[in-house]
């Protein structure tokens, strides 16, 4: 089943309509939930996120709001413009600060993305039973792969697929609200202040997506 899904979305990835007048939209401020699943069916993570679209900040705390059997438990605070992020352990009030090498993430369409097509999830013929989505695609040169992002007319992300040589992931968002409910979640915790940047081992690329590999 997952092989069939991969093939289907790869076909969507390559079937571009070449609509040059389309320009990538950018997501608004958001609060919601996000799940991460491998195309082999393994639930990697599920949790709450807060995203600041103007400040380019993201907080993702997995496995705090659901009993899903996910393989990753994490608390990440990403500063995409600054190029740093924190792996936070609130229980023991510790954290690790790292250099952020890759700014790609599933909540905003990259500026160089290509418009692929419009599609309807559910039914376009029955009122109230469908959702129109814009599909954007692009390449991942650092990981030698591709992505396909489906967003609403208001640029809310719904599905994002990443296909690489080694693995493939599906990011899905739910219960999105167009506001930052708790701004403090995007502030570095006091116990992390002054934390030095950890040395990055040679050959390591740090990024939001890499946290799930």
Protein backbone atom coordinates (compact mmCIF):
# COMPACT_ATOMS: atom_id res chain seq x y z
CA UNK A 1 0.00 0.00 0.00
CA UNK A 2 2.76 2.44 0.93
CA UNK A 3 4.64 1.64 -2.29
CA UNK A 4 1.48 2.49 -4.22
CA UNK A 5 1.11 5.76 -2.32
CA UNK A 6 4.71 6.65 -3.07
CA UNK A 7 4.19 5.95 -6.77
CA UNK A 8 0.96 7.97 -6.86
CA UNK A 9 2.46 11.06 -5.27
CA UNK A 10 5.61 10.79 -7.36
CA UNK A 11 3.35 10.89 -10.42
CA UNK A 12 1.70 14.03 -9.01
CA UNK A 13 5.18 15.42 -8.41
CA UNK A 14 6.18 15.07 -12.06
CA UNK A 15 2.84 16.06 -13.63
CA UNK A 16 3.36 19.83 -13.62
CA UNK A 17 0.87 22.14 -15.34
CA UNK A 18 3.64 24.69 -16.02
CA UNK A 19 1.45 27.58 -14.84
CA UNK A 20 4.09 30.30 -14.80
CA UNK A 21 1.77 32.91 -13.29
CA UNK A 22 1.57 31.04 -10.01
CA UNK A 23 3.88 32.28 -7.28
CA UNK A 24 4.45 30.41 -4.01
CA UNK A 25 2.31 31.70 -1.16
CA UNK A 26 3.58 31.84 2.40
CA UNK A 27 1.80 30.41 5.41
CA UNK A 28 0.35 32.69 8.11
CA UNK A 29 1.09 32.40 11.82
CA UNK A 30 -0.19 29.03 12.96
CA UNK A 31 -0.88 26.82 15.94
CA UNK A 32 -1.90 23.22 15.42
CA UNK A 33 -0.88 19.58 15.44
CA UNK A 34 1.45 17.70 13.14
CA UNK A 35 2.16 14.04 12.52
CA UNK A 36 5.21 12.54 10.83
CA UNK A 37 4.99 9.10 9.24
CA UNK A 38 7.46 7.13 7.15
CA UNK A 39 6.17 5.64 3.92
CA UNK A 40 6.73 2.22 5.53
CA UNK A 41 3.93 3.04 7.94
CA UNK A 42 6.02 3.91 11.00
CA UNK A 43 4.65 6.82 13.05
CA UNK A 44 7.74 8.92 13.70
CA UNK A 45 6.18 11.71 15.74
CA UNK A 46 2.93 13.44 16.64
CA UNK A 47 2.61 16.66 18.56
CA UNK A 48 1.74 20.34 18.80
CA UNK A 49 3.43 23.07 16.78
CA UNK A 50 3.58 26.87 16.90
CA UNK A 51 4.83 28.71 13.82
CA UNK A 52 5.78 32.39 13.45
CA UNK A 53 5.69 33.07 9.70
CA UNK A 54 7.24 36.54 9.89
CA UNK A 55 9.92 35.70 12.41
CA UNK A 56 10.63 32.30 10.82
CA UNK A 57 10.40 30.47 14.14
CA UNK A 58 8.98 27.02 14.85
CA UNK A 59 8.34 25.09 18.05
CA UNK A 60 7.42 21.42 17.78
CA UNK A 61 6.74 19.29 20.84
CA UNK A 62 5.98 15.69 20.00
CA UNK A 63 4.03 13.05 21.87
CA UNK A 64 2.67 15.40 24.53
CA UNK A 65 -0.95 15.56 23.36
CA UNK A 66 -1.62 12.05 22.11
CA UNK A 67 -1.15 8.44 23.07
CA UNK A 68 0.09 7.56 19.58
CA UNK A 69 2.88 5.01 19.50
CA UNK A 70 5.48 7.27 17.92
CA UNK A 71 9.16 6.44 17.80
CA UNK A 72 10.42 9.98 18.44
CA UNK A 73 9.86 12.16 21.50
CA UNK A 74 11.27 15.63 21.02
CA UNK A 75 10.98 19.31 21.79
CA UNK A 76 12.50 21.50 19.08
CA UNK A 77 12.79 25.28 18.86
CA UNK A 78 13.94 26.35 15.40
CA UNK A 79 15.22 29.81 14.42
CA UNK A 80 15.45 29.56 10.64
CA UNK A 81 16.71 33.09 9.94
CA UNK A 82 19.31 32.97 12.70
CA UNK A 83 20.50 29.53 11.64
CA UNK A 84 20.31 27.91 15.08
CA UNK A 85 17.98 25.58 16.93
CA UNK A 86 17.54 24.01 20.35
CA UNK A 87 16.80 20.46 21.40
CA UNK A 88 15.02 20.98 24.71
CA UNK A 89 14.53 18.66 27.68
CA UNK A 90 12.06 20.50 29.91
CA UNK A 91 11.81 17.74 32.52
CA UNK A 92 15.45 18.03 33.54
CA UNK A 93 15.77 21.66 32.34
CA UNK A 94 18.55 21.03 29.86
CA UNK A 95 19.06 21.79 26.20
CA UNK A 96 21.49 21.52 23.32
CA UNK A 97 22.04 24.42 20.92
CA UNK A 98 23.03 23.50 17.37
CA UNK A 99 23.79 25.14 14.04
CA UNK A 100 20.89 24.91 11.58
CA UNK A 101 22.23 24.09 8.12
CA UNK A 102 18.98 23.43 6.26
CA UNK A 103 15.96 25.75 6.55
CA UNK A 104 13.47 23.53 4.70
CA UNK A 105 10.42 22.50 6.71
CA UNK A 106 6.84 21.35 5.96
CA UNK A 107 5.02 24.51 7.10
CA UNK A 108 6.08 26.93 4.36
CA UNK A 109 6.53 26.63 0.61
CA UNK A 110 10.11 27.31 -0.56
CA UNK A 111 10.50 30.38 -2.78
CA UNK A 112 11.82 28.28 -5.67
CA UNK A 113 8.93 25.77 -5.59
CA UNK A 114 7.08 25.01 -8.84
CA UNK A 115 3.30 25.03 -9.06
CA UNK A 116 2.16 21.57 -10.13
CA UNK A 117 -1.63 21.38 -10.13
CA UNK A 118 -4.91 21.97 -8.32
CA UNK A 119 -6.66 18.98 -6.82
CA UNK A 120 -9.71 18.25 -4.70
CA UNK A 121 -9.58 16.11 -1.58
CA UNK A 122 -12.94 14.45 -1.12
CA UNK A 123 -15.57 15.52 -3.65
CA UNK A 124 -15.66 18.65 -5.81
CA UNK A 125 -19.23 17.86 -6.92
CA UNK A 126 -20.86 17.62 -3.48
CA UNK A 127 -21.12 20.88 -1.55
CA UNK A 128 -19.24 20.81 1.74
CA UNK A 129 -17.56 17.48 0.96
CA UNK A 130 -14.36 18.63 -0.68
CA UNK A 131 -11.21 20.67 -0.09
CA UNK A 132 -9.39 22.38 -2.96
CA UNK A 133 -5.63 22.16 -2.68
CA UNK A 134 -2.72 23.70 -4.57
CA UNK A 135 0.19 21.31 -5.07
CA UNK A 136 3.75 22.66 -5.14
CA UNK A 137 6.84 20.61 -5.91
CA UNK A 138 10.59 21.01 -5.86
CA UNK A 139 13.93 19.34 -5.36
CA UNK A 140 16.01 18.71 -2.26
CA UNK A 141 19.58 19.05 -3.51
CA UNK A 142 21.15 18.47 -0.11
CA UNK A 143 19.35 15.15 0.34
CA UNK A 144 19.08 14.22 -3.35
CA UNK A 145 15.32 14.01 -3.32
CA UNK A 146 12.06 15.81 -4.06
CA UNK A 147 9.08 17.17 -2.15
CA UNK A 148 5.39 17.71 -2.83
CA UNK A 149 3.39 20.17 -0.70
CA UNK A 150 -0.41 20.49 -0.73
CA UNK A 151 -1.84 23.71 0.72
CA UNK A 152 -5.28 25.33 0.95
CA UNK A 153 -6.30 28.54 -0.84
CA UNK A 154 -5.27 30.37 2.33
CA UNK A 155 -1.84 28.68 2.19
CA UNK A 156 -2.43 26.40 5.15
CA UNK A 157 -0.27 23.26 4.75
CA UNK A 158 -2.21 19.99 4.69
CA UNK A 159 0.19 17.32 3.39
CA UNK A 160 3.89 17.41 2.62
CA UNK A 161 5.76 14.45 1.15
CA UNK A 162 9.54 14.20 1.07
CA UNK A 163 11.13 11.59 -1.19
CA UNK A 164 14.87 10.93 -0.79
CA UNK A 165 17.28 8.19 -1.80
CA UNK A 166 17.27 6.68 1.68
CA UNK A 167 13.77 7.33 3.05
CA UNK A 168 10.43 9.06 2.47
CA UNK A 169 8.17 10.88 4.92
CA UNK A 170 4.65 12.25 5.10
CA UNK A 171 3.99 15.34 7.25
CA UNK A 172 0.32 16.03 7.97
CA UNK A 173 -1.15 19.01 9.84
CA UNK A 174 -4.45 19.15 11.73
CA UNK A 175 -6.61 21.53 13.78
CA UNK A 176 -4.76 24.61 12.53
CA UNK A 177 -5.60 28.05 13.90
CA UNK A 178 -4.28 31.27 12.35
CA UNK A 179 -2.70 32.64 15.50
CA UNK A 180 0.16 32.17 17.91
CA UNK A 181 -1.67 31.14 21.06
CA UNK A 182 1.37 31.12 23.33
CA UNK A 183 4.21 33.43 22.17
CA UNK A 184 6.39 32.21 25.05
CA UNK A 185 6.79 28.90 23.24
CA UNK A 186 8.93 30.72 20.67
CA UNK A 187 11.23 32.21 23.30
CA UNK A 188 14.40 30.43 24.40
CA UNK A 189 13.78 28.95 27.88
CA UNK A 190 15.71 30.59 30.70
CA UNK A 191 17.67 27.41 31.39
CA UNK A 192 18.95 27.49 27.79
CA UNK A 193 20.14 31.09 27.83
CA UNK A 194 23.87 31.42 27.22
CA UNK A 195 24.13 27.88 25.92
CA UNK A 196 27.12 27.57 23.53
CA UNK A 197 26.60 26.16 20.05
CA UNK A 198 27.53 22.48 19.92
CA UNK A 199 30.24 21.51 17.47
CA UNK A 200 28.82 19.81 14.40
CA UNK A 201 30.55 16.55 13.43
CA UNK A 202 32.05 16.58 9.95
CA UNK A 203 29.56 15.51 7.32
CA UNK A 204 26.51 16.16 9.52
CA UNK A 205 23.69 18.35 8.19
CA UNK A 206 21.32 19.70 10.85
CA UNK A 207 17.74 20.57 9.91
CA UNK A 208 14.15 20.03 10.97
CA UNK A 209 13.73 17.14 8.53
CA UNK A 210 16.94 15.48 9.67
CA UNK A 211 15.51 15.09 13.17
CA UNK A 212 13.21 12.35 11.89
CA UNK A 213 15.77 10.31 9.94
